[in-house]
Amino acid sequence: MPVTTHLRFPALIATLLAGLVIGASAIASSFPGGQGSGSRFTEVTGLDDWLPGPPSGDFRCREGEFTGDPLQPCTVVGSGIQIRGAMAQSFMSSFDERLTGLLTYDFNTNFDGAYTGPAWGTWTLEVTACDGGWEGTWTGRRTFVPGPNPLDDFLPPPGIGGVWISTLKSIGHGTGCLDGLQLKSSELATTLTPIPIAYEMIPGLCDFGCPPEGIAEGRILEPGSEGLE
């Protein structure tokens, strides 16, 4: 992979992440609650760095067979794909130690031929600071955004011609040392391939470092606050 692409990739994703921060902050600012409304909360930000490794689960193409190739997942080009019970992990880091630790999640999707569509699942976060963490559910939608993709340098024209942006919303409750707390957050994640995978799984892409795939903004509600409903 040429060095020029290595060097462009962090700048490209940094630009995307700047937009994601603005978008995630806008979503977070719409959360109900706050001083004077009966809620006591802490606003938090987390960086979601996906761990390398192919997700396990049931992958079914609407047409053709599943290939296992994240760039061409189905033998029939343009086939939608249904994913059920896939498992993956990431490391969430935050200035708030209550949001720092190993994130494990399952995901289900109904992607169309452009590999966009709804997604949902469950998640747990095992924090590193104490014996406990979070568990909850999430929903989201994946969309395709036309523009540059560093993989286009190595694909026949017209290449991919864009990236996928996933908007994810989650709710959860604390366990163990975080028992009694509630969490509501939104995350925006950027992926480069039809099947979403960690940047580190793309050979050579992260030789000069890679940013996290996602950024999350949310609120931790203290005991006695209004709930998340």
C-alpha atoms as a PDB file:
ATOM      1  CA  MET A   1       0.000   0.000   0.000  1.00  0.00           C
ATOM      2  CA  PRO A   2       1.612   3.327  -1.034  1.00  0.00           C
ATOM      3  CA  VAL A   3       2.793   5.664   1.706  1.00  0.00           C
ATOM      4  CA  THR A   4       0.667   8.449   0.268  1.00  0.00           C
ATOM      5  CA  THR A   5      -2.478   6.564   1.185  1.00  0.00           C
ATOM      6  CA  HIS A   6      -1.126   5.767   4.656  1.00  0.00           C
ATOM      7  CA  LEU A   7      -0.578   9.460   5.234  1.00  0.00           C
ATOM      8  CA  ARG A   8      -3.911  10.540   3.766  1.00  0.00           C
ATOM      9  CA  PHE A   9      -5.978   8.105   5.784  1.00  0.00           C
ATOM     10  CA  PRO A  10      -5.532   9.672   9.266  1.00  0.00           C
ATOM     11  CA  ALA A  11      -6.239  13.117   7.808  1.00  0.00           C
ATOM     12  CA  LEU A  12      -9.348  11.834   6.024  1.00  0.00           C
ATOM     13  CA  ILE A  13     -10.708  10.148   9.126  1.00  0.00           C
ATOM     14  CA  ALA A  14      -9.779  13.123  11.311  1.00  0.00           C
ATOM     15  CA  THR A  15     -11.953  15.276   9.059  1.00  0.00           C
ATOM     16  CA  LEU A  16     -14.772  12.769   9.307  1.00  0.00           C
ATOM     17  CA  LEU A  17     -14.385  12.531  13.089  1.00  0.00           C
ATOM     18  CA  ALA A  18     -14.606  16.313  13.369  1.00  0.00           C
ATOM     19  CA  GLY A  19     -17.993  16.090  11.710  1.00  0.00           C
ATOM     20  CA  LEU A  20     -18.942  13.168  13.917  1.00  0.00           C
ATOM     21  CA  VAL A  21     -18.111  15.127  17.072  1.00  0.00           C
ATOM     22  CA  ILE A  22     -20.406  17.921  15.949  1.00  0.00           C
ATOM     23  CA  GLY A  23     -23.126  15.442  15.013  1.00  0.00           C
ATOM     24  CA  ALA A  24     -22.826  13.392  18.174  1.00  0.00           C
ATOM     25  CA  SER A  25     -22.804  16.529  20.319  1.00  0.00           C
ATOM     26  CA  ALA A  26     -25.936  17.752  18.579  1.00  0.00           C
ATOM     27  CA  ILE A  27     -27.653  14.450  19.283  1.00  0.00           C
ATOM     28  CA  ALA A  28     -26.487  14.436  22.894  1.00  0.00           C
ATOM     29  CA  SER A  29     -27.746  17.992  23.427  1.00  0.00           C
ATOM     30  CA  SER A  30     -31.250  16.795  22.558  1.00  0.00           C
ATOM     31  CA  PHE A  31     -31.341  14.371  25.508  1.00  0.00           C
ATOM     32  CA  PRO A  32     -34.023  15.304  28.043  1.00  0.00           C
ATOM     33  CA  GLY A  33     -33.105  16.157  31.592  1.00  0.00           C
ATOM     34  CA  GLY A  34     -30.710  18.525  33.272  1.00  0.00           C
ATOM     35  CA  GLN A  35     -30.565  20.969  36.112  1.00  0.00           C
ATOM     36  CA  GLY A  36     -34.018  21.964  37.222  1.00  0.00           C
ATOM     37  CA  SER A  37     -35.711  19.015  35.534  1.00  0.00           C
ATOM     38  CA  GLY A  38     -35.192  16.490  38.325  1.00  0.00           C
ATOM     39  CA  SER A  39     -32.173  14.814  36.734  1.00  0.00           C
ATOM     40  CA  ARG A  40     -28.573  14.747  37.914  1.00  0.00           C
ATOM     41  CA  PHE A  41     -26.221  13.677  35.157  1.00  0.00           C
ATOM     42  CA  THR A  42     -22.658  13.803  33.877  1.00  0.00           C
ATOM     43  CA  GLU A  43     -21.979  14.367  30.198  1.00  0.00           C
ATOM     44  CA  VAL A  44     -19.416  11.916  28.836  1.00  0.00           C
ATOM     45  CA  THR A  45     -17.511  11.308  25.610  1.00  0.00           C
ATOM     46  CA  GLY A  46     -15.975   7.992  24.574  1.00  0.00           C
ATOM     47  CA  LEU A  47     -13.726   6.835  21.735  1.00  0.00           C
ATOM     48  CA  ASP A  48     -14.720   3.434  20.384  1.00  0.00           C
ATOM     49  CA  ASP A  49     -11.655   1.595  19.023  1.00  0.00           C
ATOM     50  CA  TRP A  50     -12.717  -1.669  17.396  1.00  0.00           C
ATOM     51  CA  LEU A  51     -10.567  -4.711  18.056  1.00  0.00           C
ATOM     52  CA  PRO A  52      -9.317  -6.727  15.042  1.00  0.00           C
ATOM     53  CA  GLY A  53     -10.983 -10.021  14.315  1.00  0.00           C
ATOM     54  CA  PRO A  54     -13.743 -11.220  12.019  1.00  0.00           C
ATOM     55  CA  PRO A  55     -17.142 -11.105  13.726  1.00  0.00           C
ATOM     56  CA  SER A  56     -18.768 -14.442  14.360  1.00  0.00           C
ATOM     57  CA  GLY A  57     -22.424 -14.994  13.598  1.00  0.00           C
ATOM     58  CA  ASP A  58     -24.915 -15.927  10.903  1.00  0.00           C
ATOM     59  CA  PHE A  59     -24.377 -14.061   7.606  1.00  0.00           C
ATOM     60  CA  ARG A  60     -26.951 -14.716   4.877  1.00  0.00           C
ATOM     61  CA  CYS A  61     -26.990 -13.110   1.447  1.00  0.00           C
ATOM     62  CA  ARG A  62     -30.356 -12.378  -0.140  1.00  0.00           C
ATOM     63  CA  GLU A  63     -28.872 -13.678  -3.398  1.00  0.00           C
ATOM     64  CA  GLY A  64     -25.891 -15.982  -3.783  1.00  0.00           C
ATOM     65  CA  GLU A  65     -23.603 -17.244  -1.036  1.00  0.00           C
ATOM     66  CA  PHE A  66     -21.662 -15.490   1.699  1.00  0.00           C
ATOM     67  CA  THR A  67     -17.954 -15.276   0.804  1.00  0.00           C
ATOM     68  CA  GLY A  68     -16.473 -13.970   4.051  1.00  0.00           C
ATOM     69  CA  ASP A  69     -14.752 -11.162   2.099  1.00  0.00           C
ATOM     70  CA  PRO A  70     -15.653  -7.771   3.669  1.00  0.00           C
ATOM     71  CA  LEU A  71     -15.177  -6.069   0.280  1.00  0.00           C
ATOM     72  CA  GLN A  72     -17.382  -8.507  -1.664  1.00  0.00           C
ATOM     73  CA  PRO A  73     -19.417 -10.392   0.951  1.00  0.00           C
ATOM     74  CA  CYS A  74     -21.807 -12.111  -1.474  1.00  0.00           C
ATOM     75  CA  THR A  75     -21.192 -14.030  -4.675  1.00  0.00           C
ATOM     76  CA  VAL A  76     -23.924 -11.935  -6.310  1.00  0.00           C
ATOM     77  CA  VAL A  77     -22.813  -8.302  -6.537  1.00  0.00           C
ATOM     78  CA  GLY A  78     -25.330  -5.918  -4.995  1.00  0.00           C
ATOM     79  CA  SER A  79     -27.060  -8.577  -2.943  1.00  0.00           C
ATOM     80  CA  GLY A  80     -28.400  -7.459   0.388  1.00  0.00           C
ATOM     81  CA  ILE A  81     -27.226  -9.292   3.470  1.00  0.00           C
ATOM     82  CA  GLN A  82     -28.857 -10.304   6.724  1.00  0.00           C
ATOM     83  CA  ILE A  83     -26.691 -10.674   9.827  1.00  0.00           C
ATOM     84  CA  ARG A  84     -27.865 -12.337  13.007  1.00  0.00           C
ATOM     85  CA  GLY A  85     -26.086 -12.838  16.315  1.00  0.00           C
ATOM     86  CA  ALA A  86     -22.676 -11.531  15.214  1.00  0.00           C
ATOM     87  CA  MET A  87     -20.295 -10.823  18.094  1.00  0.00           C
ATOM     88  CA  ALA A  88     -17.471  -8.275  18.222  1.00  0.00           C
ATOM     89  CA  GLN A  89     -15.408  -6.319  20.746  1.00  0.00           C
ATOM     90  CA  SER A  90     -13.832  -2.902  21.065  1.00  0.00           C
ATOM     91  CA  PHE A  91     -12.065  -0.803  23.654  1.00  0.00           C
ATOM     92  CA  MET A  92     -13.918   2.272  24.824  1.00  0.00           C
ATOM     93  CA  SER A  93     -11.741   5.025  26.267  1.00  0.00           C
ATOM     94  CA  SER A  94     -12.926   8.158  28.046  1.00  0.00           C
ATOM     95  CA  PHE A  95     -11.762  10.789  30.503  1.00  0.00           C
ATOM     96  CA  ASP A  96     -14.552   9.390  32.696  1.00  0.00           C
ATOM     97  CA  GLU A  97     -13.315   6.076  34.082  1.00  0.00           C
ATOM     98  CA  ARG A  98     -16.896   4.846  34.271  1.00  0.00           C
ATOM     99  CA  LEU A  99     -16.908   4.678  30.463  1.00  0.00           C
ATOM    100  CA  THR A 100     -13.470   3.114  29.965  1.00  0.00           C
ATOM    101  CA  GLY A 101     -13.117  -0.613  29.378  1.00  0.00           C
ATOM    102  CA  LEU A 102     -13.794  -3.605  27.157  1.00  0.00           C
ATOM    103  CA  LEU A 103     -16.991  -3.333  25.116  1.00  0.00           C
ATOM    104  CA  THR A 104     -18.608  -6.561  23.898  1.00  0.00           C
ATOM    105  CA  TYR A 105     -21.642  -6.417  21.664  1.00  0.00           C
ATOM    106  CA  ASP A 106     -23.777  -8.485  19.376  1.00  0.00           C
ATOM    107  CA  PHE A 107     -25.329  -7.055  16.269  1.00  0.00           C
ATOM    108  CA  ASN A 108     -28.071  -7.866  13.815  1.00  0.00           C
ATOM    109  CA  THR A 109     -28.687  -6.149  10.494  1.00  0.00           C
ATOM    110  CA  ASN A 110     -30.933  -6.070   7.469  1.00  0.00           C
ATOM    111  CA  PHE A 111     -28.640  -4.457   4.878  1.00  0.00           C
ATOM    112  CA  ASP A 112     -29.793  -3.710   1.361  1.00  0.00           C
ATOM    113  CA  GLY A 113     -27.686  -3.986  -1.798  1.00  0.00           C
ATOM    114  CA  ALA A 114     -25.764  -0.821  -0.824  1.00  0.00           C
ATOM    115  CA  TYR A 115     -25.011  -2.375   2.594  1.00  0.00           C
ATOM    116  CA  THR A 116     -27.122   0.201   4.363  1.00  0.00           C
ATOM    117  CA  GLY A 117     -30.071  -0.225   6.668  1.00  0.00           C
ATOM    118  CA  PRO A 118     -31.126  -0.869  10.245  1.00  0.00           C
ATOM    119  CA  ALA A 119     -29.022  -2.577  12.909  1.00  0.00           C
ATOM    120  CA  TRP A 120     -29.632  -3.516  16.529  1.00  0.00           C
ATOM    121  CA  GLY A 121     -28.319  -5.621  19.384  1.00  0.00           C
ATOM    122  CA  THR A 122     -27.150  -5.788  22.992  1.00  0.00           C
ATOM    123  CA  TRP A 123     -23.929  -4.680  24.655  1.00  0.00           C
ATOM    124  CA  THR A 124     -21.890  -4.915  27.829  1.00  0.00           C
ATOM    125  CA  LEU A 125     -19.005  -2.740  28.976  1.00  0.00           C
ATOM    126  CA  GLU A 126     -16.580  -4.142  31.553  1.00  0.00           C
ATOM    127  CA  VAL A 127     -14.903  -1.108  33.078  1.00  0.00           C
ATOM    128  CA  THR A 128     -11.258  -1.249  34.089  1.00  0.00           C
ATOM    129  CA  ALA A 129     -11.539   1.000  37.154  1.00  0.00           C
ATOM    130  CA  CYS A 130     -13.664  -1.247  39.365  1.00  0.00           C
ATOM    131  CA  ASP A 131     -15.570  -4.518  39.503  1.00  0.00           C
ATOM    132  CA  GLY A 132     -18.609  -3.761  37.410  1.00  0.00           C
ATOM    133  CA  GLY A 133     -19.767  -2.106  34.238  1.00  0.00           C
ATOM    134  CA  TRP A 134     -22.760  -1.578  32.002  1.00  0.00           C
ATOM    135  CA  GLU A 135     -25.238  -3.638  30.044  1.00  0.00           C
ATOM    136  CA  GLY A 136     -27.940  -2.540  27.669  1.00  0.00           C
ATOM    137  CA  THR A 137     -29.364  -2.459  24.168  1.00  0.00           C
ATOM    138  CA  TRP A 138     -28.675  -0.428  21.052  1.00  0.00           C
ATOM    139  CA  THR A 139     -30.302   0.414  17.738  1.00  0.00           C
ATOM    140  CA  GLY A 140     -28.952   2.195  14.701  1.00  0.00           C
ATOM    141  CA  ARG A 141     -28.891   2.777  10.986  1.00  0.00           C
ATOM    142  CA  ARG A 142     -26.054   2.606   8.494  1.00  0.00           C
ATOM    143  CA  THR A 143     -25.920   5.009   5.553  1.00  0.00           C
ATOM    144  CA  PHE A 144     -23.513   5.510   2.659  1.00  0.00           C
ATOM    145  CA  VAL A 145     -21.842   8.893   2.242  1.00  0.00           C
ATOM    146  CA  PRO A 146     -20.247   9.559  -1.193  1.00  0.00           C
ATOM    147  CA  GLY A 147     -16.700  10.865  -1.128  1.00  0.00           C
ATOM    148  CA  PRO A 148     -13.082   9.700  -0.764  1.00  0.00           C
ATOM    149  CA  ASN A 149     -12.239   6.240   0.515  1.00  0.00           C
ATOM    150  CA  PRO A 150      -8.552   5.297   0.937  1.00  0.00           C
ATOM    151  CA  LEU A 151      -9.270   1.821  -0.429  1.00  0.00           C
ATOM    152  CA  ASP A 152     -10.202   3.259  -3.831  1.00  0.00           C
ATOM    153  CA  ASP A 153      -6.485   3.495  -4.720  1.00  0.00           C
ATOM    154  CA  PHE A 154      -6.396  -0.300  -4.885  1.00  0.00           C
ATOM    155  CA  LEU A 155      -9.733  -1.106  -6.485  1.00  0.00           C
ATOM    156  CA  PRO A 156     -10.853  -0.980 -10.123  1.00  0.00           C
ATOM    157  CA  PRO A 157     -12.675   2.258 -11.036  1.00  0.00           C
ATOM    158  CA  PRO A 158     -14.960   3.596  -9.765  1.00  0.00           C
ATOM    159  CA  GLY A 159     -13.886   1.950  -6.497  1.00  0.00           C
ATOM    160  CA  ILE A 160     -16.124   2.319  -3.473  1.00  0.00           C
ATOM    161  CA  GLY A 161     -16.557   6.059  -3.814  1.00  0.00           C
ATOM    162  CA  GLY A 162     -17.515   6.791  -0.238  1.00  0.00           C
ATOM    163  CA  VAL A 163     -17.682   5.546   3.334  1.00  0.00           C
ATOM    164  CA  TRP A 164     -20.402   4.168   5.573  1.00  0.00           C
ATOM    165  CA  ILE A 165     -21.604   6.180   8.560  1.00  0.00           C
ATOM    166  CA  SER A 166     -23.550   4.412  11.308  1.00  0.00           C
ATOM    167  CA  THR A 167     -25.689   6.338  13.774  1.00  0.00           C
ATOM    168  CA  LEU A 168     -26.137   4.276  16.936  1.00  0.00           C
ATOM    169  CA  LYS A 169     -28.235   4.965  20.009  1.00  0.00           C
ATOM    170  CA  SER A 170     -27.915   2.967  23.214  1.00  0.00           C
ATOM    171  CA  ILE A 171     -29.351   2.798  26.694  1.00  0.00           C
ATOM    172  CA  GLY A 172     -27.948   0.841  29.597  1.00  0.00           C
ATOM    173  CA  HIS A 173     -27.778   0.419  33.336  1.00  0.00           C
ATOM    174  CA  GLY A 174     -24.837  -0.009  35.656  1.00  0.00           C
ATOM    175  CA  THR A 175     -23.833  -3.260  37.310  1.00  0.00           C
ATOM    176  CA  GLY A 176     -21.551  -4.018  40.257  1.00  0.00           C
ATOM    177  CA  CYS A 177     -19.620  -0.888  41.242  1.00  0.00           C
ATOM    178  CA  LEU A 178     -21.846   1.159  38.889  1.00  0.00           C
ATOM    179  CA  ASP A 179     -25.134  -0.261  40.168  1.00  0.00           C
ATOM    180  CA  GLY A 180     -27.908   2.334  40.195  1.00  0.00           C
ATOM    181  CA  LEU A 181     -26.506   4.425  37.339  1.00  0.00           C
ATOM    182  CA  GLN A 182     -28.123   4.752  33.928  1.00  0.00           C
ATOM    183  CA  LEU A 183     -26.529   5.632  30.615  1.00  0.00           C
ATOM    184  CA  LYS A 184     -27.977   7.063  27.431  1.00  0.00           C
ATOM    185  CA  SER A 185     -25.666   7.714  24.500  1.00  0.00           C
ATOM    186  CA  SER A 186     -25.363   8.177  20.766  1.00  0.00           C
ATOM    187  CA  GLU A 187     -22.418   7.073  18.661  1.00  0.00           C
ATOM    188  CA  LEU A 188     -21.344   7.808  15.116  1.00  0.00           C
ATOM    189  CA  ALA A 189     -19.012   5.265  13.499  1.00  0.00           C
ATOM    190  CA  THR A 190     -17.195   5.349  10.157  1.00  0.00           C
ATOM    191  CA  THR A 191     -16.343   2.182   8.225  1.00  0.00           C
ATOM    192  CA  LEU A 192     -14.664   1.650   4.869  1.00  0.00           C
ATOM    193  CA  THR A 193     -15.943  -1.750   3.704  1.00  0.00           C
ATOM    194  CA  PRO A 194     -19.387  -3.213   2.897  1.00  0.00           C
ATOM    195  CA  ILE A 195     -19.117  -5.492   5.932  1.00  0.00           C
ATOM    196  CA  PRO A 196     -18.000  -3.270   8.826  1.00  0.00           C
ATOM    197  CA  ILE A 197     -14.583  -4.302  10.177  1.00  0.00           C
ATOM    198  CA  ALA A 198     -11.853  -2.702  12.280  1.00  0.00           C
ATOM    199  CA  TYR A 199      -9.410  -0.524  10.352  1.00  0.00           C
ATOM    200  CA  GLU A 200      -6.549  -2.718  11.609  1.00  0.00           C
ATOM    201  CA  MET A 201      -7.941  -5.654   9.622  1.00  0.00           C
ATOM    202  CA  ILE A 202      -7.201  -3.856   6.333  1.00  0.00           C
ATOM    203  CA  PRO A 203      -3.573  -4.774   5.474  1.00  0.00           C
ATOM    204  CA  GLY A 204      -1.179  -1.844   5.699  1.00  0.00           C
ATOM    205  CA  LEU A 205      -3.825   0.751   6.455  1.00  0.00           C
ATOM    206  CA  CYS A 206      -2.738   1.414  10.032  1.00  0.00           C
ATOM    207  CA  ASP A 207       1.052   1.285   9.646  1.00  0.00           C
ATOM    208  CA  PHE A 208       1.118   4.962  10.602  1.00  0.00           C
ATOM    209  CA  GLY A 209      -1.668   4.648  13.157  1.00  0.00           C
ATOM    210  CA  CYS A 210      -5.440   4.663  12.909  1.00  0.00           C
ATOM    211  CA  PRO A 211      -8.089   6.702  14.691  1.00  0.00           C
ATOM    212  CA  PRO A 212     -10.964   5.006  16.521  1.00  0.00           C
ATOM    213  CA  GLU A 213     -13.873   3.869  14.381  1.00  0.00           C
ATOM    214  CA  GLY A 214     -16.462   5.645  16.495  1.00  0.00           C
ATOM    215  CA  ILE A 215     -17.101   8.464  18.908  1.00  0.00           C
ATOM    216  CA  ALA A 216     -19.871   8.388  21.507  1.00  0.00           C
ATOM    217  CA  GLU A 217     -21.548  11.209  23.403  1.00  0.00           C
ATOM    218  CA  GLY A 218     -23.944  10.647  26.238  1.00  0.00           C
ATOM    219  CA  ARG A 219     -25.070  11.174  29.791  1.00  0.00           C
ATOM    220  CA  ILE A 220     -24.653   9.119  32.936  1.00  0.00           C
ATOM    221  CA  LEU A 221     -27.657   9.615  35.190  1.00  0.00           C
ATOM    222  CA  GLU A 222     -27.157   9.391  38.934  1.00  0.00           C
ATOM    223  CA  PRO A 223     -29.398   7.391  41.314  1.00  0.00           C
ATOM    224  CA  GLY A 224     -32.648   9.199  41.987  1.00  0.00           C
ATOM    225  CA  SER A 225     -32.671  10.963  38.641  1.00  0.00           C
ATOM    226  CA  GLU A 226     -35.436  10.702  36.115  1.00  0.00           C
ATOM    227  CA  GLY A 227     -35.144   7.540  34.031  1.00  0.00           C
ATOM    228  CA  LEU A 228     -34.242   7.083  30.413  1.00  0.00           C
ATOM    229  CA  GLU A 229     -37.693   6.359  29.125  1.00  0.00           C
END
